[in-house]
Amino acid sequence: MRSVCIILAALFVMGLAVWAYKENYATQEVLREVSQIQRDIGHQREELAVLRAEWAYLNRPGRLRDLAELNFDSLGLLPLLPEQFGAVQYVAFPIVEDLLMELDTPIAVVGSLQAIIQ
């Protein structure tokens, strides 16, 4: 009986060793994947920064003004001037009192909550 227990314990320990071995390699593989994903994220961020810089370069006001003048015949674009914009004091903002609703009748909220809970 004692030898059977020793053999079972040895088999159990060997099974745990095989399991730990497989888990170790699975963990290393996942860590490699995470590292690769982090490198890809870094490359994407660099590419995004370059694209933002290119966008800012292409949208320079002087360049856009020159393009509008060059293509005036085909597009009919006029250059933007400060006189074309209005002042904030001339903007008609909505009156706050008109946005508020008056409640004349009470609202039954408790019944609605009980229906949701059930």
C-alpha atoms as a PDB file:
ATOM      1  CA  MET A   1       0.000   0.000   0.000  1.00  0.00           C
ATOM      2  CA  ARG A   2       2.840   2.318   0.845  1.00  0.00           C
ATOM      3  CA  SER A   3       4.525   1.795  -2.522  1.00  0.00           C
ATOM      4  CA  VAL A   4       1.256   2.602  -4.324  1.00  0.00           C
ATOM      5  CA  CYS A   5       1.039   5.932  -2.469  1.00  0.00           C
ATOM      6  CA  ILE A   6       4.643   6.731  -3.356  1.00  0.00           C
ATOM      7  CA  ILE A   7       4.057   5.892  -7.026  1.00  0.00           C
ATOM      8  CA  LEU A   8       0.867   8.006  -7.109  1.00  0.00           C
ATOM      9  CA  ALA A   9       2.658  10.918  -5.424  1.00  0.00           C
ATOM     10  CA  ALA A  10       5.531  10.649  -7.916  1.00  0.00           C
ATOM     11  CA  LEU A  11       3.077  10.606 -10.851  1.00  0.00           C
ATOM     12  CA  PHE A  12       1.260  13.596  -9.371  1.00  0.00           C
ATOM     13  CA  VAL A  13       4.530  15.524  -9.012  1.00  0.00           C
ATOM     14  CA  MET A  14       5.519  14.630 -12.598  1.00  0.00           C
ATOM     15  CA  GLY A  15       2.106  15.770 -13.835  1.00  0.00           C
ATOM     16  CA  LEU A  16       2.519  19.084 -12.017  1.00  0.00           C
ATOM     17  CA  ALA A  17       6.005  19.453 -13.519  1.00  0.00           C
ATOM     18  CA  VAL A  18       4.636  18.909 -17.048  1.00  0.00           C
ATOM     19  CA  TRP A  19       1.833  21.383 -16.377  1.00  0.00           C
ATOM     20  CA  ALA A  20       4.280  24.005 -15.010  1.00  0.00           C
ATOM     21  CA  TYR A  21       6.560  23.456 -18.030  1.00  0.00           C
ATOM     22  CA  LYS A  22       3.694  24.077 -20.461  1.00  0.00           C
ATOM     23  CA  GLU A  23       2.476  27.105 -18.502  1.00  0.00           C
ATOM     24  CA  ASN A  24       5.993  28.562 -18.503  1.00  0.00           C
ATOM     25  CA  TYR A  25       6.239  28.387 -22.285  1.00  0.00           C
ATOM     26  CA  ALA A  26       2.687  29.686 -22.729  1.00  0.00           C
ATOM     27  CA  THR A  27       3.514  32.641 -20.472  1.00  0.00           C
ATOM     28  CA  GLN A  28       6.695  33.387 -22.415  1.00  0.00           C
ATOM     29  CA  GLU A  29       4.727  33.323 -25.672  1.00  0.00           C
ATOM     30  CA  VAL A  30       2.131  35.732 -24.301  1.00  0.00           C
ATOM     31  CA  LEU A  31       4.884  38.056 -23.058  1.00  0.00           C
ATOM     32  CA  ARG A  32       6.439  38.034 -26.541  1.00  0.00           C
ATOM     33  CA  GLU A  33       3.048  38.885 -28.061  1.00  0.00           C
ATOM     34  CA  VAL A  34       2.534  41.730 -25.574  1.00  0.00           C
ATOM     35  CA  SER A  35       5.992  43.069 -26.359  1.00  0.00           C
ATOM     36  CA  GLN A  36       5.256  42.947 -30.091  1.00  0.00           C
ATOM     37  CA  ILE A  37       1.919  44.720 -29.591  1.00  0.00           C
ATOM     38  CA  GLN A  38       3.624  47.445 -27.545  1.00  0.00           C
ATOM     39  CA  ARG A  39       6.207  47.917 -30.326  1.00  0.00           C
ATOM     40  CA  ASP A  40       3.370  48.158 -32.866  1.00  0.00           C
ATOM     41  CA  ILE A  41       1.615  50.761 -30.704  1.00  0.00           C
ATOM     42  CA  GLY A  42       4.838  52.772 -30.522  1.00  0.00           C
ATOM     43  CA  HIS A  43       5.233  52.658 -34.310  1.00  0.00           C
ATOM     44  CA  GLN A  44       1.600  53.689 -34.785  1.00  0.00           C
ATOM     45  CA  ARG A  45       2.065  56.640 -32.415  1.00  0.00           C
ATOM     46  CA  GLU A  46       5.156  57.754 -34.318  1.00  0.00           C
ATOM     47  CA  GLU A  47       3.273  57.461 -37.590  1.00  0.00           C
ATOM     48  CA  LEU A  48       0.360  59.437 -36.150  1.00  0.00           C
ATOM     49  CA  ALA A  49       2.726  62.195 -34.999  1.00  0.00           C
ATOM     50  CA  VAL A  50       4.215  62.370 -38.502  1.00  0.00           C
ATOM     51  CA  LEU A  51       0.759  62.537 -40.069  1.00  0.00           C
ATOM     52  CA  ARG A  52      -0.277  65.326 -37.696  1.00  0.00           C
ATOM     53  CA  ALA A  53       2.878  67.259 -38.567  1.00  0.00           C
ATOM     54  CA  GLU A  54       2.206  66.791 -42.283  1.00  0.00           C
ATOM     55  CA  TRP A  55      -1.411  67.907 -41.805  1.00  0.00           C
ATOM     56  CA  ALA A  56      -0.273  71.025 -39.964  1.00  0.00           C
ATOM     57  CA  TYR A  57       2.285  71.716 -42.697  1.00  0.00           C
ATOM     58  CA  LEU A  58      -0.276  71.321 -45.469  1.00  0.00           C
ATOM     59  CA  ASN A  59      -2.825  73.516 -43.680  1.00  0.00           C
ATOM     60  CA  ARG A  60      -0.577  76.526 -43.260  1.00  0.00           C
ATOM     61  CA  PRO A  61      -2.632  79.698 -43.832  1.00  0.00           C
ATOM     62  CA  GLY A  62      -0.136  81.087 -46.325  1.00  0.00           C
ATOM     63  CA  ARG A  63      -0.156  77.905 -48.402  1.00  0.00           C
ATOM     64  CA  LEU A  64      -3.946  77.711 -48.394  1.00  0.00           C
ATOM     65  CA  ARG A  65      -4.198  81.376 -49.376  1.00  0.00           C
ATOM     66  CA  ASP A  66      -1.811  80.785 -52.303  1.00  0.00           C
ATOM     67  CA  LEU A  67      -3.799  77.711 -53.396  1.00  0.00           C
ATOM     68  CA  ALA A  68      -7.054  79.657 -53.233  1.00  0.00           C
ATOM     69  CA  GLU A  69      -5.540  82.388 -55.432  1.00  0.00           C
ATOM     70  CA  LEU A  70      -4.092  79.851 -57.897  1.00  0.00           C
ATOM     71  CA  ASN A  71      -7.379  77.975 -58.275  1.00  0.00           C
ATOM     72  CA  PHE A  72      -9.743  80.954 -58.129  1.00  0.00           C
ATOM     73  CA  ASP A  73     -10.926  80.399 -61.714  1.00  0.00           C
ATOM     74  CA  SER A  74     -11.971  76.779 -61.167  1.00  0.00           C
ATOM     75  CA  LEU A  75     -13.041  76.862 -57.494  1.00  0.00           C
ATOM     76  CA  GLY A  76     -14.126  80.439 -56.909  1.00  0.00           C
ATOM     77  CA  LEU A  77     -12.649  80.457 -53.392  1.00  0.00           C
ATOM     78  CA  LEU A  78     -12.050  83.805 -51.781  1.00  0.00           C
ATOM     79  CA  PRO A  79      -9.366  84.349 -49.159  1.00  0.00           C
ATOM     80  CA  LEU A  80     -10.518  84.557 -45.545  1.00  0.00           C
ATOM     81  CA  LEU A  81     -10.231  87.994 -44.051  1.00  0.00           C
ATOM     82  CA  PRO A  82     -10.744  89.076 -40.433  1.00  0.00           C
ATOM     83  CA  GLU A  83     -13.550  91.385 -41.545  1.00  0.00           C
ATOM     84  CA  GLN A  84     -15.602  88.357 -42.611  1.00  0.00           C
ATOM     85  CA  PHE A  85     -16.021  87.193 -39.018  1.00  0.00           C
ATOM     86  CA  GLY A  86     -18.496  88.676 -36.572  1.00  0.00           C
ATOM     87  CA  ALA A  87     -17.977  89.613 -32.945  1.00  0.00           C
ATOM     88  CA  VAL A  88     -19.310  87.483 -30.100  1.00  0.00           C
ATOM     89  CA  GLN A  89     -21.579  90.295 -28.960  1.00  0.00           C
ATOM     90  CA  TYR A  90     -23.656  89.921 -32.142  1.00  0.00           C
ATOM     91  CA  VAL A  91     -24.361  86.183 -31.648  1.00  0.00           C
ATOM     92  CA  ALA A  92     -27.934  85.483 -30.561  1.00  0.00           C
ATOM     93  CA  PHE A  93     -27.669  83.001 -27.707  1.00  0.00           C
ATOM     94  CA  PRO A  94     -30.876  81.231 -26.554  1.00  0.00           C
ATOM     95  CA  ILE A  95     -32.521  82.499 -23.397  1.00  0.00           C
ATOM     96  CA  VAL A  96     -32.161  80.041 -20.532  1.00  0.00           C
ATOM     97  CA  GLU A  97     -35.716  80.517 -19.215  1.00  0.00           C
ATOM     98  CA  ASP A  98     -37.180  79.318 -22.527  1.00  0.00           C
ATOM     99  CA  LEU A  99     -35.235  76.074 -22.267  1.00  0.00           C
ATOM    100  CA  LEU A 100     -36.585  75.157 -18.839  1.00  0.00           C
ATOM    101  CA  MET A 101     -39.744  73.091 -18.752  1.00  0.00           C
ATOM    102  CA  GLU A 102     -42.468  73.622 -16.174  1.00  0.00           C
ATOM    103  CA  LEU A 103     -43.747  70.484 -14.475  1.00  0.00           C
ATOM    104  CA  ASP A 104     -47.381  70.830 -13.406  1.00  0.00           C
ATOM    105  CA  THR A 105     -48.078  67.188 -12.641  1.00  0.00           C
ATOM    106  CA  PRO A 106     -45.919  64.886 -10.521  1.00  0.00           C
ATOM    107  CA  ILE A 107     -44.118  61.999 -12.172  1.00  0.00           C
ATOM    108  CA  ALA A 108     -44.460  58.493 -10.718  1.00  0.00           C
ATOM    109  CA  VAL A 109     -40.878  57.316 -10.559  1.00  0.00           C
ATOM    110  CA  VAL A 110     -41.287  54.627  -7.883  1.00  0.00           C
ATOM    111  CA  GLY A 111     -43.571  52.494 -10.039  1.00  0.00           C
ATOM    112  CA  SER A 112     -41.113  52.651 -12.903  1.00  0.00           C
ATOM    113  CA  LEU A 113     -38.226  51.580 -10.663  1.00  0.00           C
ATOM    114  CA  GLN A 114     -40.191  48.635  -9.313  1.00  0.00           C
ATOM    115  CA  ALA A 115     -40.898  47.464 -12.850  1.00  0.00           C
ATOM    116  CA  ILE A 116     -37.193  47.656 -13.685  1.00  0.00           C
ATOM    117  CA  ILE A 117     -36.151  45.785 -10.534  1.00  0.00           C
ATOM    118  CA  GLN A 118     -38.582  42.929 -11.180  1.00  0.00           C
END
